[in-house]
Protein backbone atom coordinates (compact mmCIF):
# COMPACT_ATOMS: atom_id res chain seq x y z
CA UNK A 1 200.37 29.30 -130.55
CA UNK A 2 197.90 31.22 -133.09
CA UNK A 3 200.04 29.67 -136.18
CA UNK A 4 199.34 26.16 -134.56
CA UNK A 5 195.16 26.72 -134.02
CA UNK A 6 195.21 28.06 -137.98
CA UNK A 7 197.24 25.00 -139.03
CA UNK A 8 194.54 22.72 -137.06
CA UNK A 9 191.81 25.07 -138.56
CA UNK A 10 193.36 24.51 -141.79
CA UNK A 11 193.64 20.68 -141.60
CA UNK A 12 189.69 20.42 -140.67
CA UNK A 13 188.75 22.45 -143.42
CA UNK A 14 190.89 20.53 -145.54
CA UNK A 15 189.23 17.30 -144.11
CA UNK A 16 185.66 18.69 -144.50
CA UNK A 17 186.33 19.58 -148.33
CA UNK A 18 187.76 16.03 -149.15
CA UNK A 19 184.52 14.10 -147.32
CA UNK A 20 182.03 16.22 -148.87
CA UNK A 21 183.46 15.75 -151.99
CA UNK A 22 184.11 11.92 -151.72
CA UNK A 23 180.79 11.75 -150.45
CA UNK A 24 179.26 13.97 -153.84
CA UNK A 25 181.36 11.08 -155.98
CA UNK A 26 180.02 8.22 -154.56
CA UNK A 27 176.40 9.22 -154.79
CA UNK A 28 176.91 10.13 -158.03
CA UNK A 29 179.15 6.80 -159.07
CA UNK A 30 176.41 4.84 -156.95
CA UNK A 31 173.46 6.30 -158.90
CA UNK A 32 175.07 5.81 -162.11
CA UNK A 33 175.95 2.21 -161.28
CA UNK A 34 172.31 1.51 -160.08
CA UNK A 35 170.62 3.42 -163.27
CA UNK A 36 173.08 1.22 -165.47
CA UNK A 37 172.19 -1.91 -164.09
CA UNK A 38 168.73 -1.40 -164.31
CA UNK A 39 168.67 -0.62 -167.86
CA UNK A 40 170.67 -3.59 -168.37
CA UNK A 41 168.29 -5.79 -166.23
CA UNK A 42 165.07 -4.39 -168.12
CA UNK A 43 166.65 -5.13 -171.52
CA UNK A 44 167.22 -8.45 -170.22
CA UNK A 45 163.65 -8.89 -168.98
CA UNK A 46 162.46 -7.86 -172.42
CA UNK A 47 164.63 -10.12 -174.21
CA UNK A 48 163.33 -13.03 -171.99
CA UNK A 49 159.66 -12.36 -172.21
CA UNK A 50 159.76 -10.22 -168.67
CA UNK A 51 161.65 -12.24 -166.63
CA UNK A 52 164.67 -10.33 -164.57
CA UNK A 53 167.75 -12.81 -163.58
CA UNK A 54 168.56 -12.68 -159.74
CA UNK A 55 172.44 -11.53 -158.83
CA UNK A 56 174.28 -14.56 -158.07
CA UNK A 57 176.54 -14.47 -155.03
CA UNK A 58 179.62 -14.89 -156.62
CA UNK A 59 178.80 -12.12 -158.45
CA UNK A 60 177.99 -10.07 -155.69
CA UNK A 61 181.25 -10.84 -154.24
CA UNK A 62 183.34 -10.21 -157.22
CA UNK A 63 181.67 -6.96 -157.23
CA UNK A 64 182.26 -6.68 -153.51
CA UNK A 65 186.01 -7.27 -154.28
CA UNK A 66 186.79 -4.93 -157.06
CA UNK A 67 185.24 -2.42 -154.81
CA UNK A 68 187.23 -3.09 -151.86
CA UNK A 69 190.39 -2.83 -154.34
CA UNK A 70 189.17 0.58 -155.43
CA UNK A 71 189.23 2.02 -151.94
CA UNK A 72 192.01 0.43 -150.80
CA UNK A 73 193.94 2.22 -153.80
CA UNK A 74 192.11 5.50 -153.12
CA UNK A 75 193.39 4.98 -149.63
CA UNK A 76 197.03 4.92 -150.49
CA UNK A 77 196.81 8.03 -152.12
CA UNK A 78 196.91 9.90 -148.78
CA UNK A 79 200.21 7.92 -147.81
CA UNK A 80 203.33 9.34 -148.09
CA UNK A 81 205.74 7.84 -150.85
CA UNK A 82 207.77 6.30 -148.78
CA UNK A 83 204.45 4.54 -146.54
CA UNK A 84 203.15 3.24 -149.95
CA UNK A 85 206.62 1.04 -151.03
CA UNK A 86 206.16 -1.09 -147.94
């Protein structure tokens, strides 16, 4: 009974650690991505006399699909080897 409670507590601590790590990494990647996008948009606007191009629907959809692919791969890391092969 006590061992089961210790195991459950350890799982909760591990889950919290994983979620906080993911939160931190996601925030860093998002901030870096937005910085790089803003820098590229500024350089492009300077080259074209101050007019910035907007993102097309196709470009936004391509980025969304790429992000979903990465999220799917990350989620697959948590599965056992047997379940990944299906």
